[in-house]
């Protein structure tokens, strides 16, 4: 089996799972408990928080709140910072952001959407034109989860603050964390990350926020996470997240180079008479978005699955939406016949050159056969 849907989820890293296993069977105590075992686990959670945060931000200016997933982290930032005035975001956001801001709209908040460039990156000039003195929040995805387009959130957040220094800036960093070398800058207020995109397990994520921002919790209860996110901590998930993140960052540049090589091999292998590339030159090497004009992506996906190749047709979190065509892809200016044939091929450092070469061959054969039947 060849697995090329790593943007949806990654295979849990066995080494990290083994390291975290003791927090299931031995050190299973509640971190809020007052006895020695509970206090020891509380220290373990604190260590995980510090170690993950240090990978991307400085602890003097930022803090990390553990959540159940990247979606919860996005929602926590958006519903806290977007409670007044207007909110500015992009047409290329993950559904965790896009659906949340549309809920804000239902609550009476004005939401403004910036257009996209052909590769799925935000049209920065248009985005900035939407920011005014009443803008409470701007949210721009770091790496587009469908096309792999990388937005320069450091530059964008700085430009937003120059227009309105009181505007909060949030970014969904789920497809960037552990993959794209980057550190948070002073103009970024919120950043969402997730464990299962980098070899951790599902059910654990985090919101990184600036320390000077006072936010209200979304979940109330026992006051865990310093009162910002109640609920007994998922210690096993948190420690596994820590181990997976530290491991990814220890080889982040090496993995990036490997992913770039496989990305190029995959792109060269796909027949240019059958596939049209949507991902731009400067996209994340971990995501390649292509389209087969006139052939349904879902059909290709199922035929590939039958042949031992697992791929995606877009965001896995949007597969339950009623719209047939990807909102992001249409916003890139893609016509519907091509939008119907979109494939998202997403890599991890666990993939090999041989796998991507074989994947390209399988996809070429599937689409060529389909086109021959339709001719």
Protein backbone atom coordinates (compact mmCIF):
# COMPACT_ATOMS: atom_id res chain seq x y z
CA UNK A 1 0.00 0.00 0.00
CA UNK A 2 1.21 3.49 -0.93
CA UNK A 3 -0.17 6.19 1.35
CA UNK A 4 -0.23 9.72 -0.14
CA UNK A 5 -2.92 11.36 1.98
CA UNK A 6 -0.70 12.64 4.76
CA UNK A 7 -2.35 16.06 4.79
CA UNK A 8 -5.46 14.29 6.08
CA UNK A 9 -3.59 12.36 8.75
CA UNK A 10 -0.25 10.67 9.21
CA UNK A 11 0.61 7.22 10.46
CA UNK A 12 1.47 7.44 14.18
CA UNK A 13 5.19 7.22 14.78
CA UNK A 14 5.87 3.85 16.47
CA UNK A 15 8.93 5.07 18.37
CA UNK A 16 6.97 7.99 19.84
CA UNK A 17 4.04 5.75 20.72
CA UNK A 18 6.35 3.42 22.60
CA UNK A 19 7.83 6.33 24.56
CA UNK A 20 4.34 7.60 25.44
CA UNK A 21 2.91 4.19 26.27
CA UNK A 22 3.75 4.41 29.96
CA UNK A 23 1.31 7.32 30.32
CA UNK A 24 -1.48 4.87 29.48
CA UNK A 25 -0.52 1.92 31.65
CA UNK A 26 1.84 3.14 34.38
CA UNK A 27 1.77 6.92 34.81
CA UNK A 28 -1.98 7.15 34.23
CA UNK A 29 -2.75 9.58 37.05
CA UNK A 30 -4.86 12.72 36.81
CA UNK A 31 -2.56 15.79 36.56
CA UNK A 32 -4.89 17.68 38.91
CA UNK A 33 -4.59 15.09 41.69
CA UNK A 34 -2.73 16.23 44.82
CA UNK A 35 -0.84 13.01 45.55
CA UNK A 36 2.72 12.43 44.35
CA UNK A 37 1.77 10.57 41.15
CA UNK A 38 -0.63 13.31 40.06
CA UNK A 39 1.93 16.04 40.69
CA UNK A 40 4.52 14.09 38.72
CA UNK A 41 2.19 13.91 35.74
CA UNK A 42 1.47 17.62 36.05
CA UNK A 43 5.21 18.23 35.67
CA UNK A 44 5.27 15.96 32.61
CA UNK A 45 2.50 18.00 30.97
CA UNK A 46 4.36 21.19 31.80
CA UNK A 47 7.52 19.80 30.23
CA UNK A 48 5.62 18.83 27.07
CA UNK A 49 4.15 22.33 26.87
CA UNK A 50 7.57 23.95 27.15
CA UNK A 51 9.24 21.58 24.70
CA UNK A 52 6.59 21.98 21.97
CA UNK A 53 6.43 25.75 22.39
CA UNK A 54 10.22 26.10 22.19
CA UNK A 55 10.19 24.55 18.71
CA UNK A 56 8.34 27.49 17.18
CA UNK A 57 8.18 30.40 19.63
CA UNK A 58 9.93 32.00 22.61
CA UNK A 59 8.41 31.33 26.03
CA UNK A 60 8.88 34.94 27.13
CA UNK A 61 6.22 36.17 24.71
CA UNK A 62 4.08 33.12 23.93
CA UNK A 63 2.23 30.39 25.79
CA UNK A 64 0.64 27.12 24.69
CA UNK A 65 -2.80 25.75 25.53
CA UNK A 66 -3.46 22.07 24.83
CA UNK A 67 -6.71 21.30 22.98
CA UNK A 68 -8.37 18.24 21.50
CA UNK A 69 -7.40 19.16 17.92
CA UNK A 70 -6.45 21.93 15.52
CA UNK A 71 -10.12 22.70 14.89
CA UNK A 72 -10.73 23.45 18.56
CA UNK A 73 -7.63 25.64 18.63
CA UNK A 74 -8.87 27.60 15.59
CA UNK A 75 -12.33 27.98 17.11
CA UNK A 76 -10.96 29.16 20.46
CA UNK A 77 -9.03 31.98 18.78
CA UNK A 78 -11.77 33.00 16.37
CA UNK A 79 -14.66 33.08 18.81
CA UNK A 80 -12.60 34.99 21.34
CA UNK A 81 -10.99 37.60 19.08
CA UNK A 82 -13.84 37.99 16.57
CA UNK A 83 -16.58 39.24 18.89
CA UNK A 84 -16.86 42.81 17.62
CA UNK A 85 -16.50 45.00 14.55
CA UNK A 86 -15.55 42.99 11.49
CA UNK A 87 -13.44 39.89 10.80
CA UNK A 88 -11.22 39.48 7.75
CA UNK A 89 -10.15 36.10 6.42
CA UNK A 90 -9.56 34.34 3.10
CA UNK A 91 -11.49 32.13 0.71
CA UNK A 92 -8.79 29.49 1.14
CA UNK A 93 -9.20 28.75 4.83
CA UNK A 94 -9.60 25.28 6.31
CA UNK A 95 -13.21 24.51 7.23
CA UNK A 96 -12.29 24.91 10.92
CA UNK A 97 -11.83 28.63 10.24
CA UNK A 98 -14.27 29.10 7.36
CA UNK A 99 -17.21 27.52 9.21
CA UNK A 100 -16.34 29.37 12.42
CA UNK A 101 -16.33 32.81 10.80
CA UNK A 102 -19.61 32.00 9.06
CA UNK A 103 -21.04 31.24 12.49
CA UNK A 104 -19.80 34.66 13.58
CA UNK A 105 -21.74 36.09 10.65
CA UNK A 106 -24.88 34.40 11.96
CA UNK A 107 -24.23 36.12 15.29
CA UNK A 108 -24.15 39.55 13.67
CA UNK A 109 -20.42 40.02 13.05
CA UNK A 110 -19.44 41.33 9.62
CA UNK A 111 -17.10 38.91 7.84
CA UNK A 112 -14.98 39.94 4.86
CA UNK A 113 -13.31 37.40 2.56
CA UNK A 114 -10.10 38.11 0.66
CA UNK A 115 -9.66 36.57 -2.79
CA UNK A 116 -7.02 34.01 -3.75
CA UNK A 117 -4.25 33.87 -6.30
CA UNK A 118 -4.20 31.04 -8.83
CA UNK A 119 -2.07 28.83 -6.55
CA UNK A 120 -4.36 29.20 -3.53
CA UNK A 121 -2.33 31.82 -1.67
CA UNK A 122 -4.17 34.90 -0.45
CA UNK A 123 -4.26 38.07 -2.54
CA UNK A 124 -2.46 40.15 0.08
CA UNK A 125 -3.35 43.49 -1.50
CA UNK A 126 -7.05 42.62 -1.40
CA UNK A 127 -6.80 41.30 2.15
CA UNK A 128 -5.19 44.49 3.42
CA UNK A 129 -7.80 46.62 1.66
CA UNK A 130 -10.45 44.91 3.81
CA UNK A 131 -8.75 45.80 7.11
CA UNK A 132 -9.96 49.01 8.76
CA UNK A 133 -10.28 50.62 12.18
CA UNK A 134 -13.11 48.24 13.14
CA UNK A 135 -11.34 44.99 12.22
CA UNK A 136 -11.00 42.89 15.36
CA UNK A 137 -9.47 39.78 13.80
CA UNK A 138 -7.60 38.70 10.67
CA UNK A 139 -7.12 34.97 10.05
CA UNK A 140 -4.82 33.70 7.28
CA UNK A 141 -3.91 30.04 6.88
CA UNK A 142 -0.16 29.41 6.89
CA UNK A 143 -0.08 26.51 4.41
CA UNK A 144 -3.21 25.93 2.34
CA UNK A 145 -4.42 22.41 3.10
CA UNK A 146 -5.57 21.75 -0.49
CA UNK A 147 -3.03 23.41 -2.79
CA UNK A 148 -0.07 23.67 -0.42
CA UNK A 149 0.30 27.41 -1.06
CA UNK A 150 2.45 29.04 1.63
CA UNK A 151 1.30 32.42 2.89
CA UNK A 152 3.97 34.73 4.30
CA UNK A 153 2.16 35.23 7.59
CA UNK A 154 5.08 37.10 9.15
CA UNK A 155 4.87 39.80 6.47
CA UNK A 156 1.07 39.75 6.30
CA UNK A 157 0.61 40.07 10.06
CA UNK A 158 3.09 42.98 10.16
CA UNK A 159 1.18 44.76 7.38
CA UNK A 160 -2.13 44.15 9.18
CA UNK A 161 -0.76 45.63 12.41
CA UNK A 162 0.52 48.67 10.53
CA UNK A 163 -3.07 49.35 9.44
CA UNK A 164 -4.64 48.61 12.82
CA UNK A 165 -2.41 47.79 15.78
CA UNK A 166 -5.40 46.57 17.79
CA UNK A 167 -6.35 43.86 15.26
CA UNK A 168 -5.62 40.32 16.44
CA UNK A 169 -3.87 38.07 13.91
CA UNK A 170 -4.53 34.32 13.82
CA UNK A 171 -3.14 31.60 11.57
CA UNK A 172 -4.03 27.95 11.14
CA UNK A 173 -0.58 26.39 11.17
CA UNK A 174 -1.67 22.75 11.06
CA UNK A 175 -0.08 21.98 7.67
CA UNK A 176 3.06 23.99 8.47
CA UNK A 177 4.03 22.92 11.99
CA UNK A 178 6.79 20.31 11.91
CA UNK A 179 7.17 20.66 8.14
CA UNK A 180 8.02 24.25 7.24
CA UNK A 181 10.97 25.88 9.08
CA UNK A 182 9.38 28.89 10.78
CA UNK A 183 9.19 30.76 14.09
CA UNK A 184 6.36 32.96 15.31
CA UNK A 185 6.94 36.70 15.07
CA UNK A 186 5.73 39.46 17.36
CA UNK A 187 2.79 40.38 15.11
CA UNK A 188 1.20 36.91 15.24
CA UNK A 189 -1.23 36.55 18.14
CA UNK A 190 -2.69 33.05 17.68
CA UNK A 191 -1.37 29.92 15.95
CA UNK A 192 -3.13 26.53 15.80
CA UNK A 193 -1.29 23.20 15.54
CA UNK A 194 -2.21 19.51 15.55
CA UNK A 195 -0.49 16.27 16.56
CA UNK A 196 -1.85 13.80 14.02
CA UNK A 197 -0.43 15.71 11.04
CA UNK A 198 3.16 15.02 12.18
CA UNK A 199 3.10 11.43 13.42
CA UNK A 200 1.24 12.02 16.68
CA UNK A 201 -2.15 10.57 17.51
CA UNK A 202 -5.58 12.02 16.84
CA UNK A 203 -7.27 13.86 19.70
CA UNK A 204 -4.53 16.33 20.61
CA UNK A 205 -3.70 19.81 19.36
CA UNK A 206 -2.72 23.18 20.74
CA UNK A 207 -3.33 26.90 20.47
CA UNK A 208 -0.25 29.07 20.81
CA UNK A 209 -1.07 32.63 21.89
CA UNK A 210 0.71 35.80 22.89
CA UNK A 211 1.01 36.04 26.66
CA UNK A 212 -0.37 39.56 26.89
CA UNK A 213 -3.68 38.54 25.31
CA UNK A 214 -6.48 37.86 27.77
CA UNK A 215 -8.91 35.36 26.28
CA UNK A 216 -12.08 33.73 27.52
CA UNK A 217 -12.33 29.93 27.61
CA UNK A 218 -14.62 28.02 25.26
CA UNK A 219 -14.87 25.04 27.61
CA UNK A 220 -15.64 25.59 31.31
CA UNK A 221 -15.21 23.15 34.17
CA UNK A 222 -12.31 22.24 36.41
CA UNK A 223 -10.01 25.07 35.32
CA UNK A 224 -7.33 23.00 33.59
CA UNK A 225 -4.83 24.69 31.24
CA UNK A 226 -4.78 27.69 33.60
CA UNK A 227 -8.52 28.08 33.25
CA UNK A 228 -8.35 28.50 29.47
CA UNK A 229 -9.44 24.99 28.50
CA UNK A 230 -11.15 22.86 31.14
CA UNK A 231 -11.18 19.08 30.96
CA UNK A 232 -8.79 16.45 32.27
CA UNK A 233 -5.68 16.56 30.12
CA UNK A 234 -5.04 13.83 27.56
CA UNK A 235 -1.60 13.05 29.00
CA UNK A 236 -0.86 10.15 26.64
CA UNK A 237 -1.77 12.29 23.62
CA UNK A 238 0.14 15.28 24.93
CA UNK A 239 3.34 13.33 25.57
CA UNK A 240 3.06 11.57 22.21
CA UNK A 241 2.58 15.01 20.61
CA UNK A 242 5.73 16.23 22.37
CA UNK A 243 7.82 13.27 21.24
CA UNK A 244 6.53 13.46 17.65
CA UNK A 245 7.09 17.23 17.42
CA UNK A 246 10.61 17.10 18.84
CA UNK A 247 11.48 14.26 16.46
CA UNK A 248 10.11 16.12 13.42
CA UNK A 249 11.95 19.32 14.30
CA UNK A 250 15.22 17.46 14.84
CA UNK A 251 15.22 16.71 11.08
CA UNK A 252 12.90 19.42 9.74
CA UNK A 253 15.35 20.77 7.15
CA UNK A 254 16.43 17.29 6.06
CA UNK A 255 12.79 16.17 5.79
CA UNK A 256 11.90 19.31 3.84
CA UNK A 257 14.63 18.57 1.31
CA UNK A 258 13.49 14.95 0.99
CA UNK A 259 9.87 16.00 0.52
CA UNK A 260 10.90 18.52 -2.16
CA UNK A 261 12.75 15.79 -4.07
CA UNK A 262 9.75 13.42 -3.92
CA UNK A 263 7.39 16.25 -4.87
CA UNK A 264 9.43 16.95 -8.00
CA UNK A 265 9.67 13.24 -8.85
CA UNK A 266 5.92 12.88 -8.54
CA UNK A 267 5.29 15.96 -10.66
CA UNK A 268 7.68 14.80 -13.38
CA UNK A 269 6.06 11.37 -13.40
CA UNK A 270 2.52 12.62 -13.97
CA UNK A 271 1.61 12.90 -17.65
CA UNK A 272 1.19 16.60 -18.43
CA UNK A 273 -1.32 15.71 -21.13
CA UNK A 274 -3.55 14.17 -18.47
CA UNK A 275 -2.96 16.35 -15.39
CA UNK A 276 -2.91 20.09 -14.80
CA UNK A 277 -0.87 21.38 -11.87
CA UNK A 278 -2.56 23.75 -9.41
CA UNK A 279 0.13 23.92 -6.75
CA UNK A 280 2.52 26.79 -7.37
CA UNK A 281 6.31 26.82 -7.56
CA UNK A 282 6.60 28.00 -3.96
CA UNK A 283 4.07 25.65 -2.40
CA UNK A 284 4.81 23.31 0.48
CA UNK A 285 6.75 20.29 -0.82
CA UNK A 286 4.43 18.08 1.21
CA UNK A 287 1.34 18.83 -0.94
CA UNK A 288 0.86 18.52 -4.69
CA UNK A 289 -2.55 19.49 -6.07
CA UNK A 290 -3.36 18.48 -9.65
CA UNK A 291 -6.50 18.16 -11.75
CA UNK A 292 -7.62 15.71 -14.41
CA UNK A 293 -9.93 17.68 -16.68
CA UNK A 294 -13.12 15.77 -17.45
CA UNK A 295 -12.49 12.87 -15.06
CA UNK A 296 -14.01 12.91 -11.58
CA UNK A 297 -11.49 12.97 -8.78
CA UNK A 298 -13.63 10.67 -6.68
CA UNK A 299 -13.58 8.06 -9.46
CA UNK A 300 -9.80 8.26 -9.67
CA UNK A 301 -9.53 8.01 -5.88
CA UNK A 302 -11.57 4.78 -5.73
CA UNK A 303 -9.74 3.15 -8.64
CA UNK A 304 -6.40 4.09 -7.09
CA UNK A 305 -7.57 2.64 -3.76
CA UNK A 306 -8.34 -0.65 -5.54
CA UNK A 307 -4.75 -0.67 -6.78
CA UNK A 308 -3.20 0.00 -3.39
CA UNK A 309 -2.71 3.76 -3.72
CA UNK A 310 -4.40 6.04 -1.18
CA UNK A 311 -4.81 9.68 -2.18
CA UNK A 312 -7.17 12.57 -1.46
CA UNK A 313 -9.42 14.79 -3.51
CA UNK A 314 -9.09 17.81 -1.23
CA UNK A 315 -9.54 18.56 2.44
CA UNK A 316 -10.65 15.46 4.36
CA UNK A 317 -12.48 17.76 6.78
CA UNK A 318 -14.62 19.05 3.91
CA UNK A 319 -15.65 15.63 2.56
CA UNK A 320 -18.98 15.84 4.39
CA UNK A 321 -19.93 19.19 2.86
CA UNK A 322 -22.78 19.28 0.36
CA UNK A 323 -20.97 21.31 -2.29
CA UNK A 324 -19.57 19.13 -5.08
CA UNK A 325 -16.68 21.44 -5.88
CA UNK A 326 -13.95 22.66 -3.57
CA UNK A 327 -14.53 26.23 -2.42
CA UNK A 328 -10.78 26.85 -2.40
CA UNK A 329 -10.19 25.47 -5.87
CA UNK A 330 -13.03 27.51 -7.38
CA UNK A 331 -11.65 30.62 -5.64
CA UNK A 332 -8.36 29.96 -7.50
CA UNK A 333 -10.26 30.52 -10.75
CA UNK A 334 -10.46 26.86 -11.76
CA UNK A 335 -13.33 25.91 -14.07
CA UNK A 336 -15.84 23.34 -12.80
CA UNK A 337 -14.83 20.55 -15.19
CA UNK A 338 -11.30 20.67 -13.79
CA UNK A 339 -12.46 21.30 -10.22
CA UNK A 340 -14.36 18.01 -10.47
CA UNK A 341 -11.11 16.17 -11.16
CA UNK A 342 -8.96 17.60 -8.36
CA UNK A 343 -6.52 15.30 -6.57
CA UNK A 344 -4.45 16.13 -3.49
CA UNK A 345 -1.29 14.06 -3.22
CA UNK A 346 0.33 14.67 0.16
CA UNK A 347 3.67 13.35 1.31
CA UNK A 348 5.47 12.59 4.54
CA UNK A 349 9.09 11.91 5.35
CA UNK A 350 8.12 8.23 5.54
CA UNK A 351 7.39 8.03 1.80
CA UNK A 352 10.02 6.97 -0.73
CA UNK A 353 11.04 7.92 -4.27
CA UNK A 354 9.99 4.45 -5.42
CA UNK A 355 6.51 4.93 -4.01
CA UNK A 356 5.91 8.27 -5.71
CA UNK A 357 7.21 6.94 -9.03
CA UNK A 358 4.79 4.03 -8.81
CA UNK A 359 1.96 6.35 -7.73
CA UNK A 360 2.45 8.54 -10.80
CA UNK A 361 2.36 5.48 -13.05
CA UNK A 362 -0.88 4.23 -11.46
CA UNK A 363 -2.57 7.62 -11.80
CA UNK A 364 -1.48 8.00 -15.42
CA UNK A 365 -2.94 4.60 -16.27
CA UNK A 366 -6.25 5.27 -14.49
CA UNK A 367 -6.86 8.63 -16.16
CA UNK A 368 -5.66 7.45 -19.60
CA UNK A 369 -8.04 4.48 -19.44
CA UNK A 370 -10.93 6.69 -18.34
CA UNK A 371 -10.28 9.15 -21.15
CA UNK A 372 -10.08 6.30 -23.67
CA UNK A 373 -13.47 4.97 -22.55
CA UNK A 374 -15.04 8.43 -22.82
CA UNK A 375 -13.54 9.14 -26.26
